[in-house]
Amino acid sequence: MSAVSLDDPLVGAARRIVILGVTGSGKTHLASALGRCRGIPHHEMDAQAWQPGWVKTPDEELRQRAERIASADGWVVDALWTATRVAFLPRVELVIGLDYPWAISAGRLLGRTVNRLTTREPICGDNAESWRQTLSRDSILLWHLRTFRSKRRQILQWAADADLPPLLRLTHPDQAAALVAATKATS
């Protein structure tokens, strides 16, 4: 199975979900909403992958964390780090690919970044965005530019590959809102 549509029964029944998308597309927001609606835990994978001070969690430790999460009966994760694929792919029932136009994800990311710079809201565990980081080569905004095409390509390839778990490709935030509304209606 590869691509599925919003009205596919699998979409409403899935309890082990991975959300893919470019930085700023709304993966965490959607994962949190689906987790609440379906009564399953949402696991923020960036919080698992980053330790305080923006120190990357070693791949083996990240894989072990993913295995603990994946062993449960229900979960929704908001990213698929390379080190976590071996844990999640054999158990995932549905992958949701947020494949929004560049202007939508870039606009969301810019607004979110400015807000987080102002409020110092903790992200990725106990980290915070800084002006220095935002204006550096490690900028989340530059990361978005560098990875946008490859993330889109990944979603399209996944949707076409019958050997991978089924993928629901959403091309506009209205579709994500409809998915959440439909989930609330059936819960």
Protein backbone atom coordinates (compact mmCIF):
# COMPACT_ATOMS: atom_id res chain seq x y z
CA MET A 1 0.00 0.00 0.00
CA SER A 2 1.24 3.52 -0.67
CA ALA A 3 -0.89 6.67 -0.93
CA VAL A 4 -4.22 6.85 0.89
CA SER A 5 -6.90 9.56 0.98
CA LEU A 6 -8.61 11.34 3.86
CA ASP A 7 -11.70 9.14 3.50
CA ASP A 8 -9.76 5.85 3.69
CA PRO A 9 -10.91 3.87 6.79
CA LEU A 10 -7.25 3.33 7.73
CA VAL A 11 -6.85 7.07 8.31
CA GLY A 12 -9.55 7.07 10.98
CA ALA A 13 -8.45 3.82 12.60
CA ALA A 14 -4.66 4.28 12.78
CA ARG A 15 -3.17 4.39 16.28
CA ARG A 16 0.53 4.32 15.38
CA ILE A 17 1.25 7.43 13.31
CA VAL A 18 4.34 9.19 11.99
CA ILE A 19 4.10 12.74 10.69
CA LEU A 20 6.63 13.92 8.10
CA GLY A 21 7.16 17.41 6.73
CA VAL A 22 9.52 20.29 6.35
CA THR A 23 10.47 22.40 9.35
CA GLY A 24 7.63 24.80 10.11
CA SER A 25 4.89 22.78 8.42
CA GLY A 26 3.04 22.08 11.67
CA LYS A 27 4.08 18.50 12.42
CA THR A 28 4.12 18.97 16.20
CA HIS A 29 0.84 20.87 16.25
CA LEU A 30 -0.93 18.18 14.21
CA ALA A 31 0.63 15.33 16.20
CA SER A 32 -0.49 16.90 19.47
CA ALA A 33 -4.05 17.42 18.20
CA LEU A 34 -4.32 13.87 16.84
CA GLY A 35 -2.89 12.43 20.03
CA ARG A 36 -5.49 14.25 22.14
CA CYS A 37 -8.37 13.28 19.83
CA ARG A 38 -7.38 9.63 19.58
CA GLY A 39 -6.33 9.23 23.21
CA ILE A 40 -2.79 8.21 22.32
CA PRO A 41 0.47 9.81 23.43
CA HIS A 42 2.20 12.36 21.23
CA HIS A 43 5.99 12.14 21.35
CA GLU A 44 7.91 15.23 20.28
CA MET A 45 10.91 13.71 18.54
CA ASP A 46 12.97 16.91 18.43
CA ALA A 47 12.80 16.95 22.25
CA GLN A 48 14.13 13.38 22.20
CA ALA A 49 16.88 14.25 19.71
CA TRP A 50 18.25 17.39 21.39
CA GLN A 51 19.74 17.67 24.85
CA PRO A 52 20.24 20.99 26.70
CA GLY A 53 22.68 23.33 24.95
CA TRP A 54 21.65 21.96 21.55
CA VAL A 55 23.72 18.80 22.05
CA LYS A 56 22.52 16.06 19.71
CA THR A 57 21.42 12.86 21.45
CA PRO A 58 23.69 9.99 20.32
CA ASP A 59 22.01 7.90 17.61
CA GLU A 60 22.06 4.69 19.67
CA GLU A 61 20.32 6.40 22.59
CA LEU A 62 17.79 8.00 20.24
CA ARG A 63 17.11 4.61 18.64
CA GLN A 64 16.55 3.05 22.08
CA ARG A 65 14.12 5.82 23.02
CA ALA A 66 12.27 5.26 19.76
CA GLU A 67 12.07 1.51 20.44
CA ARG A 68 10.44 2.19 23.82
CA ILE A 69 7.91 4.50 22.18
CA ALA A 70 7.25 2.15 19.25
CA SER A 71 6.61 -0.83 21.54
CA ALA A 72 3.37 0.77 22.81
CA ASP A 73 -0.04 0.05 21.28
CA GLY A 74 -0.65 3.66 20.29
CA TRP A 75 1.47 6.74 19.56
CA VAL A 76 1.93 9.63 17.24
CA VAL A 77 5.42 11.00 16.54
CA ASP A 78 6.12 14.29 14.82
CA ALA A 79 9.29 13.38 12.93
CA LEU A 80 11.20 10.39 11.65
CA TRP A 81 14.87 10.84 12.44
CA THR A 82 17.21 8.45 10.59
CA ALA A 83 18.18 6.74 13.87
CA THR A 84 14.51 6.10 14.71
CA ARG A 85 13.37 4.55 11.45
CA VAL A 86 14.36 1.03 12.45
CA ALA A 87 12.05 1.30 15.47
CA PHE A 88 9.04 3.02 13.92
CA LEU A 89 8.79 1.68 10.36
CA PRO A 90 7.90 -1.94 11.25
CA ARG A 91 5.05 -0.77 13.54
CA VAL A 92 3.67 2.40 11.94
CA GLU A 93 0.14 2.12 10.57
CA LEU A 94 -0.06 5.51 8.88
CA VAL A 95 2.38 8.18 7.77
CA ILE A 96 1.03 11.68 7.29
CA GLY A 97 3.09 13.84 4.95
CA LEU A 98 2.62 17.60 5.30
CA ASP A 99 3.49 18.74 1.79
CA TYR A 100 2.46 22.39 1.92
CA PRO A 101 3.60 25.11 -0.48
CA TRP A 102 6.86 26.80 0.48
CA ALA A 103 5.18 30.12 1.35
CA ILE A 104 2.95 28.44 3.96
CA SER A 105 5.68 26.55 5.80
CA ALA A 106 8.22 29.39 5.50
CA GLY A 107 5.68 31.92 6.76
CA ARG A 108 4.74 29.71 9.70
CA LEU A 109 8.38 29.12 10.54
CA LEU A 110 9.28 32.81 10.39
CA GLY A 111 6.38 33.75 12.66
CA ARG A 112 7.16 30.95 15.08
CA THR A 113 10.85 31.86 15.19
CA VAL A 114 10.18 35.53 15.88
CA ASN A 115 7.72 34.57 18.62
CA ARG A 116 10.19 32.19 20.24
CA LEU A 117 12.98 34.74 20.08
CA THR A 118 10.73 37.18 21.90
CA THR A 119 9.26 34.83 24.50
CA ARG A 120 12.27 32.50 24.95
CA GLU A 121 9.79 29.62 24.87
CA PRO A 122 11.60 26.32 25.45
CA ILE A 123 11.82 24.09 22.39
CA CYS A 124 13.43 20.77 21.54
CA GLY A 125 13.53 19.81 25.18
CA ASP A 126 14.99 22.61 27.28
CA ASN A 127 16.58 24.66 24.50
CA ALA A 128 15.70 28.12 23.25
CA GLU A 129 16.22 29.92 19.97
CA SER A 130 18.63 32.84 20.03
CA TRP A 131 19.33 35.74 17.68
CA ARG A 132 22.90 34.51 17.31
CA GLN A 133 21.73 31.07 16.23
CA THR A 134 18.96 32.45 14.00
CA LEU A 135 21.43 34.62 12.11
CA SER A 136 24.11 31.92 11.83
CA ARG A 137 24.76 29.10 9.36
CA ASP A 138 22.85 26.88 11.81
CA SER A 139 19.71 29.00 11.39
CA ILE A 140 16.41 27.13 11.43
CA LEU A 141 15.32 29.45 8.61
CA LEU A 142 18.29 28.39 6.45
CA TRP A 143 17.66 24.76 7.37
CA HIS A 144 14.14 25.17 5.99
CA LEU A 145 15.50 26.52 2.70
CA ARG A 146 18.12 23.77 2.43
CA THR A 147 15.73 20.90 3.15
CA PHE A 148 12.43 21.99 1.59
CA ARG A 149 12.92 20.23 -1.76
CA SER A 150 14.33 17.04 -0.26
CA LYS A 151 11.46 16.74 2.26
CA ARG A 152 8.92 17.23 -0.53
CA ARG A 153 10.72 14.64 -2.67
CA GLN A 154 10.73 12.21 0.29
CA ILE A 155 6.97 12.56 0.75
CA LEU A 156 6.26 12.05 -2.97
CA GLN A 157 8.57 9.03 -3.16
CA TRP A 158 7.02 7.53 -0.04
CA ALA A 159 3.49 7.96 -1.46
CA ALA A 160 4.54 6.10 -4.62
CA ASP A 161 6.32 3.18 -2.89
CA ALA A 162 4.02 0.23 -2.21
CA ASP A 163 6.66 -1.37 0.03
CA LEU A 164 6.46 1.46 2.57
CA PRO A 165 3.68 2.09 5.08
CA PRO A 166 0.63 3.96 3.73
CA LEU A 167 1.00 7.72 3.41
CA LEU A 168 -1.67 10.38 3.62
CA ARG A 169 -0.34 13.41 1.74
CA LEU A 170 -1.82 16.72 2.88
CA THR A 171 -1.15 19.68 0.60
CA HIS A 172 -2.88 22.43 2.59
CA PRO A 173 -3.44 23.15 6.30
CA ASP A 174 -7.21 22.98 5.69
CA GLN A 175 -6.79 19.25 5.08
CA ALA A 176 -5.02 18.83 8.42
CA ALA A 177 -7.85 20.74 10.11
CA ALA A 178 -10.37 18.46 8.38
CA LEU A 179 -8.47 15.39 9.60
CA VAL A 180 -8.55 16.65 13.19
CA ALA A 181 -12.24 17.57 12.93
CA ALA A 182 -13.10 14.13 11.53
CA THR A 183 -11.08 12.48 14.31
CA LYS A 184 -12.94 14.51 16.95
CA ALA A 185 -16.27 13.55 15.40
CA THR A 186 -15.51 9.82 15.62
CA SER A 187 -13.92 9.86 19.08
